[in-house]
Each structure stands twice: as C-alpha cells, then as structure tokens.
C-alpha cells in the first residue's frame, strides 16, 4: 500500500472554497479505486495550511488513477475551478508507507 500525503498552502480567505474542493476530491479518489482519509483544514495556528491523505493498494494503482484523472471530466473541472478561484496557492506531495495497526497480537522485534 502507498499513501499520498499532501500539504497545501491555501488562501486563508478561501477556506470554504478549498473545503468544497476537498469534499469533491474525496469522492473522486474513492470512485477511482483509492481510499481517501480526508482533509485537515485550519482551525488553530497557521490559517493557510491544510493537509490531505489517500491510499492506493500500490504505486502502480496510484499511477493508473493519475492517468484516469487526466481524461475524467469531473476531475478536470474540479482542478480548473480550484485554479480559477485561487484557493490553493501551492502544495507538496509525498508518498508514504502507512502503518495502521498497533502491536496488539503482533510479535515484537
């Protein structure tokens, strides 16, 4: 499994527009075979930083998703709307290997 972790710099005056973008993108990632873990929006502290993460079974599955979104009208429309409304200033994307389970029932190293 591979998890894409995103750190966004957003326009603090357009958090509502970014939230709408995120809500749409959750459905899109899930529709295309991913497992979206949600968005984290500013609450206290920095008012221009947001996070998101989603997973795919493999890097190859993620790359298939990236190819699909290039021709998906809803994906392209959502990206265009975010560009036009300027809610996203920049983003950083990292790929991680998630650990979702504790040691309960596992042998310790």
N, C-alpha and C. Protein backbone atom coordinates (compact mmCIF):
# COMPACT_ATOMS: atom_id res chain seq x y z
N UNK A 1 0.85 -1.18 0.00
CA UNK A 1 0.00 0.00 0.00
C UNK A 1 0.89 1.23 0.00
N UNK A 2 0.45 2.25 -0.71
CA UNK A 2 1.15 3.53 -0.75
C UNK A 2 0.14 4.63 -0.41
N UNK A 3 0.58 5.56 0.44
CA UNK A 3 -0.27 6.69 0.82
C UNK A 3 0.34 7.97 0.30
N UNK A 4 -0.49 8.75 -0.37
CA UNK A 4 -0.09 10.07 -0.84
C UNK A 4 -0.48 11.06 0.26
N UNK A 5 0.51 11.79 0.75
CA UNK A 5 0.28 12.78 1.80
C UNK A 5 0.53 14.15 1.19
N UNK A 6 -0.46 15.03 1.31
CA UNK A 6 -0.39 16.36 0.71
C UNK A 6 -0.41 17.44 1.78
N UNK A 7 0.48 18.40 1.63
CA UNK A 7 0.47 19.61 2.46
C UNK A 7 0.16 20.76 1.52
N UNK A 8 -0.93 21.45 1.79
CA UNK A 8 -1.37 22.57 0.96
C UNK A 8 -1.08 23.89 1.65
N UNK A 9 -0.66 24.87 0.88
CA UNK A 9 -0.72 26.26 1.30
C UNK A 9 -1.93 26.83 0.59
N UNK A 10 -2.87 27.33 1.38
CA UNK A 10 -4.14 27.79 0.82
C UNK A 10 -4.34 29.27 1.13
N UNK A 11 -5.23 29.89 0.39
CA UNK A 11 -5.60 31.27 0.66
C UNK A 11 -6.51 31.25 1.89
N UNK A 12 -6.10 31.89 2.99
CA UNK A 12 -6.90 31.83 4.22
C UNK A 12 -8.27 32.49 4.10
N UNK A 13 -8.47 33.27 3.06
CA UNK A 13 -9.77 33.90 2.83
C UNK A 13 -10.67 33.02 1.96
N UNK A 14 -10.14 31.87 1.53
CA UNK A 14 -10.91 30.98 0.65
C UNK A 14 -10.96 29.55 1.19
N UNK A 15 -10.99 29.43 2.52
CA UNK A 15 -11.05 28.10 3.14
C UNK A 15 -12.32 27.37 2.73
N UNK A 16 -13.44 28.08 2.64
CA UNK A 16 -14.70 27.43 2.25
C UNK A 16 -14.60 26.85 0.84
N UNK A 17 -13.96 27.56 -0.07
CA UNK A 17 -13.78 27.05 -1.44
C UNK A 17 -12.86 25.83 -1.43
N UNK A 18 -11.82 25.88 -0.61
CA UNK A 18 -10.92 24.72 -0.50
C UNK A 18 -11.65 23.53 0.10
N UNK A 19 -12.48 23.77 1.10
CA UNK A 19 -13.25 22.67 1.70
C UNK A 19 -14.15 22.01 0.65
N UNK A 20 -14.80 22.81 -0.17
CA UNK A 20 -15.65 22.26 -1.24
C UNK A 20 -14.82 21.42 -2.20
N UNK A 21 -13.65 21.93 -2.59
CA UNK A 21 -12.71 21.19 -3.44
C UNK A 21 -12.39 19.84 -2.80
N UNK A 22 -12.07 19.86 -1.51
CA UNK A 22 -11.73 18.63 -0.80
C UNK A 22 -12.87 17.63 -0.76
N UNK A 23 -14.07 18.11 -0.50
CA UNK A 23 -15.23 17.21 -0.43
C UNK A 23 -15.47 16.52 -1.77
N UNK A 24 -15.30 17.26 -2.86
CA UNK A 24 -15.45 16.65 -4.18
C UNK A 24 -14.33 15.65 -4.43
N UNK A 25 -13.10 16.03 -4.07
CA UNK A 25 -11.95 15.17 -4.36
C UNK A 25 -11.99 13.87 -3.56
N UNK A 26 -12.55 13.88 -2.35
CA UNK A 26 -12.70 12.64 -1.59
C UNK A 26 -13.52 11.65 -2.40
N UNK A 27 -14.64 12.10 -2.93
CA UNK A 27 -15.49 11.20 -3.74
C UNK A 27 -14.77 10.73 -5.00
N UNK A 28 -14.02 11.62 -5.63
CA UNK A 28 -13.33 11.25 -6.87
C UNK A 28 -12.26 10.18 -6.61
N UNK A 29 -11.45 10.36 -5.59
CA UNK A 29 -10.41 9.37 -5.28
C UNK A 29 -11.05 8.03 -4.95
N UNK A 30 -12.09 8.04 -4.13
CA UNK A 30 -12.75 6.78 -3.77
C UNK A 30 -13.38 6.12 -5.00
N UNK A 31 -13.95 6.92 -5.90
CA UNK A 31 -14.56 6.40 -7.13
C UNK A 31 -13.52 5.72 -8.01
N UNK A 32 -12.29 6.22 -7.96
CA UNK A 32 -11.24 5.71 -8.84
C UNK A 32 -10.37 4.65 -8.17
N UNK A 33 -10.87 4.04 -7.10
CA UNK A 33 -10.18 2.90 -6.50
C UNK A 33 -9.28 3.21 -5.33
N UNK A 34 -9.21 4.46 -4.92
CA UNK A 34 -8.40 4.81 -3.77
C UNK A 34 -9.21 4.78 -2.48
N UNK A 35 -8.54 5.05 -1.40
CA UNK A 35 -9.18 5.14 -0.08
C UNK A 35 -8.76 6.49 0.50
N UNK A 36 -9.65 7.47 0.38
CA UNK A 36 -9.32 8.82 0.85
C UNK A 36 -9.49 8.88 2.36
N UNK A 37 -8.50 9.44 3.04
CA UNK A 37 -8.52 9.53 4.51
C UNK A 37 -9.00 10.90 4.99
N UNK A 38 -9.33 11.79 4.08
CA UNK A 38 -9.90 13.07 4.44
C UNK A 38 -8.92 14.23 4.37
N UNK A 39 -9.47 15.40 4.67
CA UNK A 39 -8.72 16.66 4.67
C UNK A 39 -8.69 17.20 6.09
N UNK A 40 -7.63 17.89 6.41
CA UNK A 40 -7.49 18.59 7.68
C UNK A 40 -7.36 20.08 7.35
N UNK A 41 -8.34 20.84 7.78
CA UNK A 41 -8.39 22.28 7.48
C UNK A 41 -7.90 23.09 8.66
N UNK A 42 -7.47 24.32 8.43
CA UNK A 42 -7.00 25.17 9.53
C UNK A 42 -8.08 25.37 10.59
N UNK A 43 -7.62 25.33 11.83
CA UNK A 43 -8.53 25.58 12.95
C UNK A 43 -7.87 26.55 13.93
N UNK A 44 -6.78 26.13 14.53
CA UNK A 44 -5.95 27.00 15.37
C UNK A 44 -4.54 26.96 14.79
N UNK A 45 -3.78 28.00 15.03
CA UNK A 45 -2.42 28.04 14.47
C UNK A 45 -2.44 28.65 13.09
N UNK A 46 -1.59 28.12 12.23
CA UNK A 46 -1.50 28.66 10.86
C UNK A 46 -2.85 28.59 10.16
N UNK A 47 -3.24 29.69 9.55
CA UNK A 47 -4.55 29.74 8.89
C UNK A 47 -4.47 29.47 7.39
N UNK A 48 -3.29 29.09 6.91
CA UNK A 48 -3.12 28.88 5.47
C UNK A 48 -2.53 27.51 5.13
N UNK A 49 -2.57 26.58 6.07
CA UNK A 49 -2.02 25.24 5.85
C UNK A 49 -3.14 24.23 6.02
N UNK A 50 -3.22 23.30 5.07
CA UNK A 50 -4.19 22.20 5.13
C UNK A 50 -3.47 20.92 4.69
N UNK A 51 -4.04 19.80 5.09
CA UNK A 51 -3.45 18.50 4.77
C UNK A 51 -4.51 17.56 4.21
N UNK A 52 -4.06 16.57 3.46
CA UNK A 52 -4.93 15.50 2.98
C UNK A 52 -4.08 14.26 2.78
N UNK A 53 -4.73 13.11 2.84
CA UNK A 53 -4.03 11.87 2.51
C UNK A 53 -5.02 10.86 1.96
N UNK A 54 -4.50 10.03 1.06
CA UNK A 54 -5.28 8.95 0.50
C UNK A 54 -4.34 7.83 0.10
N UNK A 55 -4.87 6.62 0.06
CA UNK A 55 -4.05 5.45 -0.22
C UNK A 55 -4.56 4.69 -1.44
N UNK A 56 -3.62 4.00 -2.07
CA UNK A 56 -3.90 3.05 -3.13
C UNK A 56 -3.17 1.76 -2.80
N UNK A 57 -3.64 0.65 -3.32
CA UNK A 57 -3.00 -0.63 -2.99
C UNK A 57 -1.52 -0.70 -3.39
N UNK A 58 -1.14 0.07 -4.41
CA UNK A 58 0.25 0.04 -4.88
C UNK A 58 0.55 1.34 -5.62
N UNK A 59 1.83 1.57 -5.88
CA UNK A 59 2.21 2.73 -6.67
C UNK A 59 1.67 2.60 -8.10
N UNK A 60 1.61 1.39 -8.61
CA UNK A 60 1.06 1.19 -9.95
C UNK A 60 -0.42 1.57 -9.99
N UNK A 61 -1.17 1.25 -8.93
CA UNK A 61 -2.59 1.63 -8.87
C UNK A 61 -2.73 3.15 -8.79
N UNK A 62 -1.83 3.80 -8.05
CA UNK A 62 -1.84 5.26 -7.98
C UNK A 62 -1.57 5.85 -9.37
N UNK A 63 -0.60 5.30 -10.07
CA UNK A 63 -0.27 5.80 -11.41
C UNK A 63 -1.44 5.61 -12.38
N UNK A 64 -2.19 4.52 -12.23
CA UNK A 64 -3.39 4.31 -13.04
C UNK A 64 -4.41 5.39 -12.74
N UNK A 65 -4.60 5.70 -11.47
CA UNK A 65 -5.50 6.79 -11.05
C UNK A 65 -5.07 8.11 -11.69
N UNK A 66 -3.78 8.42 -11.67
CA UNK A 66 -3.28 9.66 -12.25
C UNK A 66 -3.60 9.72 -13.75
N UNK A 67 -3.47 8.61 -14.44
CA UNK A 67 -3.81 8.57 -15.87
C UNK A 67 -5.30 8.78 -16.07
N UNK A 68 -6.12 8.14 -15.24
CA UNK A 68 -7.58 8.26 -15.37
C UNK A 68 -8.04 9.69 -15.14
N UNK A 69 -7.44 10.37 -14.18
CA UNK A 69 -7.93 11.73 -13.87
C UNK A 69 -7.64 12.71 -15.00
N UNK A 70 -6.65 12.40 -15.84
CA UNK A 70 -6.35 13.27 -16.97
C UNK A 70 -7.51 13.37 -17.96
N UNK A 71 -8.32 12.30 -18.05
CA UNK A 71 -9.42 12.29 -19.01
C UNK A 71 -10.80 12.34 -18.34
N UNK A 72 -10.84 12.38 -17.03
CA UNK A 72 -12.11 12.42 -16.32
C UNK A 72 -12.62 13.87 -16.25
N UNK A 73 -13.80 14.11 -16.78
CA UNK A 73 -14.34 15.48 -16.85
C UNK A 73 -14.54 16.10 -15.47
N UNK A 74 -15.03 15.32 -14.52
CA UNK A 74 -15.27 15.87 -13.18
C UNK A 74 -13.95 16.23 -12.50
N UNK A 75 -12.94 15.39 -12.65
CA UNK A 75 -11.61 15.70 -12.09
C UNK A 75 -11.06 16.97 -12.70
N UNK A 76 -11.10 17.06 -14.01
CA UNK A 76 -10.55 18.23 -14.69
C UNK A 76 -11.33 19.50 -14.33
N UNK A 77 -12.65 19.38 -14.22
CA UNK A 77 -13.46 20.53 -13.83
C UNK A 77 -13.16 21.00 -12.42
N UNK A 78 -12.94 20.06 -11.51
CA UNK A 78 -12.62 20.40 -10.12
C UNK A 78 -11.26 21.08 -10.04
N UNK A 79 -10.28 20.57 -10.77
CA UNK A 79 -8.96 21.19 -10.79
C UNK A 79 -9.02 22.60 -11.39
N UNK A 80 -9.78 22.75 -12.46
CA UNK A 80 -9.92 24.06 -13.10
C UNK A 80 -10.59 25.06 -12.15
N UNK A 81 -11.63 24.62 -11.47
CA UNK A 81 -12.31 25.51 -10.53
C UNK A 81 -11.38 25.98 -9.42
N UNK A 82 -10.55 25.08 -8.90
CA UNK A 82 -9.59 25.46 -7.85
C UNK A 82 -8.56 26.45 -8.38
N UNK A 83 -8.11 26.24 -9.61
CA UNK A 83 -7.16 27.19 -10.22
C UNK A 83 -7.81 28.56 -10.39
N UNK A 84 -9.04 28.56 -10.87
CA UNK A 84 -9.73 29.83 -11.14
C UNK A 84 -10.07 30.59 -9.86
N UNK A 85 -10.48 29.87 -8.80
CA UNK A 85 -10.85 30.59 -7.58
C UNK A 85 -9.64 30.88 -6.69
N UNK A 86 -8.49 30.28 -6.98
CA UNK A 86 -7.27 30.60 -6.27
C UNK A 86 -7.21 30.12 -4.83
N UNK A 87 -8.00 29.11 -4.48
CA UNK A 87 -7.98 28.66 -3.08
C UNK A 87 -6.68 27.93 -2.73
N UNK A 88 -6.04 27.31 -3.72
CA UNK A 88 -4.77 26.61 -3.49
C UNK A 88 -3.63 27.46 -4.02
N UNK A 89 -2.71 27.81 -3.14
CA UNK A 89 -1.54 28.59 -3.55
C UNK A 89 -0.43 27.65 -4.02
N UNK A 90 -0.19 26.59 -3.25
CA UNK A 90 0.80 25.59 -3.63
C UNK A 90 0.55 24.32 -2.83
N UNK A 91 1.23 23.24 -3.23
CA UNK A 91 1.12 22.01 -2.47
C UNK A 91 2.40 21.20 -2.61
N UNK A 92 2.62 20.35 -1.61
CA UNK A 92 3.73 19.40 -1.60
C UNK A 92 3.12 18.01 -1.52
N UNK A 93 3.66 17.10 -2.31
CA UNK A 93 3.14 15.72 -2.32
C UNK A 93 4.27 14.78 -1.93
N UNK A 94 3.99 13.91 -0.96
CA UNK A 94 4.94 12.89 -0.53
C UNK A 94 4.24 11.54 -0.56
N UNK A 95 5.01 10.50 -0.78
CA UNK A 95 4.46 9.14 -0.78
C UNK A 95 5.03 8.40 0.42
N UNK A 96 4.13 7.78 1.17
CA UNK A 96 4.49 7.13 2.42
C UNK A 96 4.00 5.68 2.42
N UNK A 97 4.60 4.90 3.30
CA UNK A 97 4.12 3.55 3.58
C UNK A 97 3.43 3.61 4.93
N UNK A 98 2.10 3.44 4.95
CA UNK A 98 1.36 3.63 6.20
C UNK A 98 1.49 2.45 7.16
N UNK A 99 1.36 2.76 8.43
CA UNK A 99 1.24 1.76 9.49
C UNK A 99 -0.06 2.08 10.21
N UNK A 100 -1.06 1.22 10.06
CA UNK A 100 -2.38 1.48 10.62
C UNK A 100 -2.70 0.63 11.84
N UNK A 101 -1.86 -0.34 12.16
CA UNK A 101 -2.15 -1.24 13.25
C UNK A 101 -1.10 -1.13 14.34
N UNK A 102 -1.54 -1.30 15.59
CA UNK A 102 -0.63 -1.33 16.72
C UNK A 102 -0.02 -2.71 16.88
N UNK A 103 0.59 -2.96 18.01
CA UNK A 103 1.29 -4.22 18.26
C UNK A 103 0.39 -5.30 18.85
N UNK A 104 -0.86 -4.99 19.11
CA UNK A 104 -1.78 -5.98 19.69
C UNK A 104 -1.80 -7.23 18.82
N UNK A 105 -1.39 -8.35 19.39
CA UNK A 105 -1.40 -9.62 18.66
C UNK A 105 -0.21 -9.81 17.73
N UNK A 106 0.71 -8.85 17.72
CA UNK A 106 1.88 -8.96 16.84
C UNK A 106 3.11 -9.32 17.68
N UNK A 107 4.06 -9.96 17.05
CA UNK A 107 5.32 -10.28 17.71
C UNK A 107 6.22 -9.06 17.65
N UNK A 108 6.77 -8.68 18.81
CA UNK A 108 7.68 -7.53 18.83
C UNK A 108 9.04 -7.94 18.28
N UNK A 109 9.71 -6.97 17.69
CA UNK A 109 11.05 -7.22 17.15
C UNK A 109 12.04 -7.42 18.25
